Amino acid sequence: MKYKITLIKSLAGRFKKHIATANSLGLRRIGDETVQPDNEQTRGKIRQISYLIRVEETK
């Protein structure tokens, strides 16, 4: 299983750690999407910036 992650809120004015987490997922601008594998590292990143993103499960 994989996660399709979309950035839905701006990174402006956020904690530097949260901006770095979004960038590590490949999310830089509103509307950017990425597909990531389902593993502990990805789940941790999703938990940290859950208020900025939309997550959908894909195959």
Protein backbone atom coordinates (compact mmCIF):
# COMPACT_ATOMS: atom_id res chain seq x y z
CA MET A 1 0.00 0.00 0.00
CA LYS A 2 1.09 3.59 -0.63
CA TYR A 3 -0.04 7.04 0.45
CA LYS A 4 -0.89 9.86 -1.93
CA ILE A 5 -0.06 13.05 -0.03
CA THR A 6 -1.21 16.52 -1.11
CA LEU A 7 -0.12 19.82 0.45
CA ILE A 8 -3.31 21.83 1.09
CA LYS A 9 -2.03 24.66 3.32
CA SER A 10 0.87 27.07 2.93
CA LEU A 11 4.24 26.47 4.59
CA ALA A 12 4.71 30.20 5.24
CA GLY A 13 5.10 30.97 8.93
CA ARG A 14 5.26 27.32 10.04
CA PHE A 15 7.84 25.74 12.33
CA LYS A 16 11.14 25.14 10.53
CA LYS A 17 10.95 21.47 11.45
CA HIS A 18 7.54 21.13 9.81
CA ILE A 19 8.74 22.89 6.65
CA ALA A 20 11.71 20.51 6.49
CA THR A 21 9.39 17.52 6.92
CA ALA A 22 7.15 18.70 4.06
CA ASN A 23 10.20 19.28 1.87
CA SER A 24 11.52 15.79 2.64
CA LEU A 25 8.23 14.41 1.31
CA GLY A 26 8.67 16.48 -1.87
CA LEU A 27 5.99 19.03 -0.97
CA ARG A 28 7.01 22.61 -1.65
CA ARG A 29 3.92 24.48 -2.90
CA ILE A 30 0.20 24.23 -2.27
CA GLY A 31 -1.22 21.55 -4.56
CA ASP A 32 2.00 19.51 -4.78
CA GLU A 33 1.35 15.77 -4.62
CA THR A 34 3.60 12.83 -3.91
CA VAL A 35 3.21 9.08 -3.52
CA GLN A 36 5.08 7.56 -0.58
CA PRO A 37 5.41 3.97 0.67
CA ASP A 38 3.53 2.85 3.78
CA ASN A 39 6.23 2.56 6.43
CA GLU A 40 6.98 3.92 9.90
CA GLN A 41 9.03 6.86 8.62
CA THR A 42 6.27 8.05 6.32
CA ARG A 43 3.61 7.63 9.00
CA GLY A 44 5.69 9.72 11.43
CA LYS A 45 6.05 12.51 8.87
CA ILE A 46 2.32 12.41 8.14
CA ARG A 47 1.53 12.63 11.87
CA GLN A 48 3.82 15.63 12.32
CA ILE A 49 2.34 17.76 9.53
CA SER A 50 -1.18 16.30 9.38
CA TYR A 51 -2.71 19.78 9.68
CA LEU A 52 -1.05 20.83 6.38
CA ILE A 53 -1.79 17.84 4.17
CA ARG A 54 -4.48 15.53 2.78
CA VAL A 55 -3.67 11.81 2.71
CA GLU A 56 -5.28 9.13 0.55
CA GLU A 57 -4.45 5.43 0.48
CA THR A 58 -3.59 3.95 -2.91
CA LYS A 59 -2.40 0.60 -4.18
